[in-house]
Amino acid sequence: MTMLTAIADDGHLLSAHVHGVGPTILVVPPGGGDANSWSTVAEHLADAHRVVVMNRRIYEPDAVITLPHTMSREVSDIAAVTRASGAPVIGVGHSSGATALLCAAAEHPNLFSELVLYEPPVPTTSLIGGAAG
């Protein structure tokens, strides 16, 4: 594993863990998880892909959060790491990372060749399954 760094538009240093070689997959981990939360999956994919697992700034070890932390900030950070990774990439997002990745792809479609969204939260005002839910 190696490290990749990128500079956010506000000067914050962003980091990512890099595994393997080949076409690049950029992973945006779930809320509460840093790049280590996807290390086992990244190692399995590393035989055929370069897997870049970013640390979302709000979940970095020893994070100092500047409030408000917004989806716009997440989108900008994802775009910076994606550019540093050599866009276009295959984007993989997990949970709130999937939501942030989808927003990043909507704003910067040229940075992504495809997306895989794993367990994205779905905003609702009622149970998705209705009464059965």
C-alpha atoms as a PDB file:
ATOM      1  CA  MET A   1       0.000   0.000   0.000  1.00  0.00           C
ATOM      2  CA  THR A   2       1.103   3.537  -0.765  1.00  0.00           C
ATOM      3  CA  MET A   3      -0.401   6.917   0.040  1.00  0.00           C
ATOM      4  CA  LEU A   4      -1.840   9.473  -2.335  1.00  0.00           C
ATOM      5  CA  THR A   5      -2.362  13.080  -1.320  1.00  0.00           C
ATOM      6  CA  ALA A   6      -4.404  15.871  -2.854  1.00  0.00           C
ATOM      7  CA  ILE A   7      -4.941  19.485  -1.902  1.00  0.00           C
ATOM      8  CA  ALA A   8      -8.557  20.540  -1.393  1.00  0.00           C
ATOM      9  CA  ASP A   9      -9.693  23.891  -2.751  1.00  0.00           C
ATOM     10  CA  ASP A  10      -9.519  25.316   0.796  1.00  0.00           C
ATOM     11  CA  GLY A  11      -5.927  24.084   1.259  1.00  0.00           C
ATOM     12  CA  HIS A  12      -6.781  21.033   3.394  1.00  0.00           C
ATOM     13  CA  LEU A  13      -4.486  18.061   2.756  1.00  0.00           C
ATOM     14  CA  LEU A  14      -6.552  15.044   1.700  1.00  0.00           C
ATOM     15  CA  SER A  15      -5.187  11.508   1.768  1.00  0.00           C
ATOM     16  CA  ALA A  16      -5.990   8.119   0.306  1.00  0.00           C
ATOM     17  CA  HIS A  17      -4.601   4.589   0.521  1.00  0.00           C
ATOM     18  CA  VAL A  18      -3.569   3.070  -2.816  1.00  0.00           C
ATOM     19  CA  HIS A  19      -3.495  -0.680  -3.486  1.00  0.00           C
ATOM     20  CA  GLY A  20      -2.516  -2.475  -6.702  1.00  0.00           C
ATOM     21  CA  VAL A  21      -2.153  -1.461 -10.337  1.00  0.00           C
ATOM     22  CA  GLY A  22      -4.519  -1.310 -13.295  1.00  0.00           C
ATOM     23  CA  PRO A  23      -7.692   0.645 -14.008  1.00  0.00           C
ATOM     24  CA  THR A  24      -8.440   2.936 -11.066  1.00  0.00           C
ATOM     25  CA  ILE A  25     -11.304   2.395  -8.662  1.00  0.00           C
ATOM     26  CA  LEU A  26     -11.885   5.288  -6.239  1.00  0.00           C
ATOM     27  CA  VAL A  27     -13.661   4.230  -3.040  1.00  0.00           C
ATOM     28  CA  VAL A  28     -15.548   6.735  -0.870  1.00  0.00           C
ATOM     29  CA  PRO A  29     -16.044   4.968   2.495  1.00  0.00           C
ATOM     30  CA  PRO A  30     -19.152   5.184   4.674  1.00  0.00           C
ATOM     31  CA  GLY A  31     -19.770   7.607   7.493  1.00  0.00           C
ATOM     32  CA  GLY A  32     -17.634   6.847  10.518  1.00  0.00           C
ATOM     33  CA  GLY A  33     -15.097   4.916   8.444  1.00  0.00           C
ATOM     34  CA  ASP A  34     -11.700   5.949   7.178  1.00  0.00           C
ATOM     35  CA  ALA A  35      -9.717   4.328   4.356  1.00  0.00           C
ATOM     36  CA  ASN A  36      -8.899   1.351   6.579  1.00  0.00           C
ATOM     37  CA  SER A  37     -12.565   0.293   6.557  1.00  0.00           C
ATOM     38  CA  TRP A  38     -12.184  -0.865   2.934  1.00  0.00           C
ATOM     39  CA  SER A  39      -8.626  -2.234   3.107  1.00  0.00           C
ATOM     40  CA  THR A  40      -9.631  -5.920   2.871  1.00  0.00           C
ATOM     41  CA  VAL A  41     -11.803  -5.291  -0.191  1.00  0.00           C
ATOM     42  CA  ALA A  42      -9.066  -3.127  -1.746  1.00  0.00           C
ATOM     43  CA  GLU A  43      -6.507  -5.902  -1.265  1.00  0.00           C
ATOM     44  CA  HIS A  44      -8.808  -8.397  -3.020  1.00  0.00           C
ATOM     45  CA  LEU A  45      -9.286  -6.050  -5.978  1.00  0.00           C
ATOM     46  CA  ALA A  46      -5.608  -5.052  -6.167  1.00  0.00           C
ATOM     47  CA  ASP A  47      -4.621  -7.937  -8.452  1.00  0.00           C
ATOM     48  CA  ALA A  48      -6.509  -6.392 -11.360  1.00  0.00           C
ATOM     49  CA  HIS A  49      -7.118  -2.765 -10.303  1.00  0.00           C
ATOM     50  CA  ARG A  50      -5.513   0.239  -8.718  1.00  0.00           C
ATOM     51  CA  VAL A  51      -7.782   0.864  -5.743  1.00  0.00           C
ATOM     52  CA  VAL A  52      -7.682   4.336  -4.189  1.00  0.00           C
ATOM     53  CA  VAL A  53      -9.584   4.509  -0.896  1.00  0.00           C
ATOM     54  CA  MET A  54      -9.954   8.087   0.258  1.00  0.00           C
ATOM     55  CA  ASN A  55     -10.119   9.390   3.790  1.00  0.00           C
ATOM     56  CA  ARG A  56     -13.151  11.677   4.010  1.00  0.00           C
ATOM     57  CA  ARG A  57     -11.971  14.690   6.008  1.00  0.00           C
ATOM     58  CA  ILE A  58     -14.802  14.510   8.517  1.00  0.00           C
ATOM     59  CA  TYR A  59     -13.785  10.928   9.425  1.00  0.00           C
ATOM     60  CA  GLU A  60      -9.986  11.257   9.289  1.00  0.00           C
ATOM     61  CA  PRO A  61      -8.150  10.147  12.391  1.00  0.00           C
ATOM     62  CA  ASP A  62      -7.726  13.277  14.572  1.00  0.00           C
ATOM     63  CA  ALA A  63     -10.078  15.243  12.304  1.00  0.00           C
ATOM     64  CA  VAL A  64     -10.609  18.908  13.046  1.00  0.00           C
ATOM     65  CA  ILE A  65     -14.008  19.696  11.588  1.00  0.00           C
ATOM     66  CA  THR A  66     -14.836  23.164  10.361  1.00  0.00           C
ATOM     67  CA  LEU A  67     -18.586  23.641  10.618  1.00  0.00           C
ATOM     68  CA  PRO A  68     -20.758  23.656   8.728  1.00  0.00           C
ATOM     69  CA  HIS A  69     -19.521  20.523   6.968  1.00  0.00           C
ATOM     70  CA  THR A  70     -21.556  20.419   3.762  1.00  0.00           C
ATOM     71  CA  MET A  71     -22.213  18.110   0.840  1.00  0.00           C
ATOM     72  CA  SER A  72     -20.561  20.772  -1.296  1.00  0.00           C
ATOM     73  CA  ARG A  73     -17.363  20.263   0.728  1.00  0.00           C
ATOM     74  CA  GLU A  74     -17.613  16.477   0.261  1.00  0.00           C
ATOM     75  CA  VAL A  75     -18.109  16.909  -3.503  1.00  0.00           C
ATOM     76  CA  SER A  76     -15.120  19.225  -3.781  1.00  0.00           C
ATOM     77  CA  ASP A  77     -12.909  16.832  -1.779  1.00  0.00           C
ATOM     78  CA  ILE A  78     -13.954  13.825  -3.863  1.00  0.00           C
ATOM     79  CA  ALA A  79     -13.225  15.772  -7.049  1.00  0.00           C
ATOM     80  CA  ALA A  80      -9.744  16.729  -5.784  1.00  0.00           C
ATOM     81  CA  VAL A  81      -8.849  13.127  -4.877  1.00  0.00           C
ATOM     82  CA  THR A  82     -10.289  11.867  -8.164  1.00  0.00           C
ATOM     83  CA  ARG A  83      -8.194  14.316 -10.172  1.00  0.00           C
ATOM     84  CA  ALA A  84      -5.079  13.315  -8.211  1.00  0.00           C
ATOM     85  CA  SER A  85      -5.945   9.656  -8.910  1.00  0.00           C
ATOM     86  CA  GLY A  86      -5.966  10.179 -12.660  1.00  0.00           C
ATOM     87  CA  ALA A  87      -9.574  10.678 -13.712  1.00  0.00           C
ATOM     88  CA  PRO A  88     -11.708   9.240 -15.109  1.00  0.00           C
ATOM     89  CA  VAL A  89     -12.103   6.522 -12.479  1.00  0.00           C
ATOM     90  CA  ILE A  90     -14.643   3.905 -11.500  1.00  0.00           C
ATOM     91  CA  GLY A  91     -16.315   5.389  -8.427  1.00  0.00           C
ATOM     92  CA  VAL A  92     -17.453   3.143  -5.573  1.00  0.00           C
ATOM     93  CA  GLY A  93     -19.342   4.680  -2.668  1.00  0.00           C
ATOM     94  CA  HIS A  94     -20.629   3.050   0.493  1.00  0.00           C
ATOM     95  CA  SER A  95     -23.587   4.406   2.511  1.00  0.00           C
ATOM     96  CA  SER A  96     -23.214   8.188   2.950  1.00  0.00           C
ATOM     97  CA  GLY A  97     -20.070   7.854   0.808  1.00  0.00           C
ATOM     98  CA  ALA A  98     -22.359   6.627  -1.985  1.00  0.00           C
ATOM     99  CA  THR A  99     -24.528   9.706  -1.633  1.00  0.00           C
ATOM    100  CA  ALA A 100     -21.495  12.009  -1.663  1.00  0.00           C
ATOM    101  CA  LEU A 101     -20.056  10.174  -4.684  1.00  0.00           C
ATOM    102  CA  LEU A 102     -23.332  10.448  -6.597  1.00  0.00           C
ATOM    103  CA  CYS A 103     -23.411  14.193  -5.917  1.00  0.00           C
ATOM    104  CA  ALA A 104     -19.768  14.486  -7.051  1.00  0.00           C
ATOM    105  CA  ALA A 105     -20.529  12.598 -10.266  1.00  0.00           C
ATOM    106  CA  ALA A 106     -23.561  14.789 -10.956  1.00  0.00           C
ATOM    107  CA  GLU A 107     -21.397  17.904 -10.622  1.00  0.00           C
ATOM    108  CA  HIS A 108     -18.265  16.476 -12.300  1.00  0.00           C
ATOM    109  CA  PRO A 109     -19.416  13.716 -14.701  1.00  0.00           C
ATOM    110  CA  ASN A 110     -16.152  13.800 -16.662  1.00  0.00           C
ATOM    111  CA  LEU A 111     -14.244  12.490 -13.608  1.00  0.00           C
ATOM    112  CA  PHE A 112     -16.041   9.119 -13.535  1.00  0.00           C
ATOM    113  CA  SER A 113     -16.370   6.337 -16.099  1.00  0.00           C
ATOM    114  CA  GLU A 114     -18.960   4.482 -14.007  1.00  0.00           C
ATOM    115  CA  LEU A 115     -20.365   4.308 -10.475  1.00  0.00           C
ATOM    116  CA  VAL A 116     -21.145   1.571  -7.990  1.00  0.00           C
ATOM    117  CA  LEU A 117     -23.330   2.819  -5.131  1.00  0.00           C
ATOM    118  CA  TYR A 118     -23.476   0.419  -2.185  1.00  0.00           C
ATOM    119  CA  GLU A 119     -26.250   0.939   0.394  1.00  0.00           C
ATOM    120  CA  PRO A 120     -26.847   4.647  -0.289  1.00  0.00           C
ATOM    121  CA  PRO A 121     -29.196   6.202   2.269  1.00  0.00           C
ATOM    122  CA  VAL A 122     -32.604   6.971   0.838  1.00  0.00           C
ATOM    123  CA  PRO A 123     -34.394  10.019   2.276  1.00  0.00           C
ATOM    124  CA  THR A 124     -38.000   9.223   3.012  1.00  0.00           C
ATOM    125  CA  THR A 125     -40.925  10.592   4.936  1.00  0.00           C
ATOM    126  CA  SER A 126     -42.454   7.130   5.371  1.00  0.00           C
ATOM    127  CA  LEU A 127     -41.292   3.509   5.421  1.00  0.00           C
ATOM    128  CA  ILE A 128     -40.123   2.376   1.989  1.00  0.00           C
ATOM    129  CA  GLY A 129     -41.975  -0.940   2.351  1.00  0.00           C
ATOM    130  CA  GLY A 130     -45.178   0.763   3.486  1.00  0.00           C
ATOM    131  CA  ALA A 131     -47.045  -0.997   6.271  1.00  0.00           C
ATOM    132  CA  ALA A 132     -44.987  -4.150   5.657  1.00  0.00           C
ATOM    133  CA  GLY A 133     -41.829  -2.196   6.505  1.00  0.00           C
END
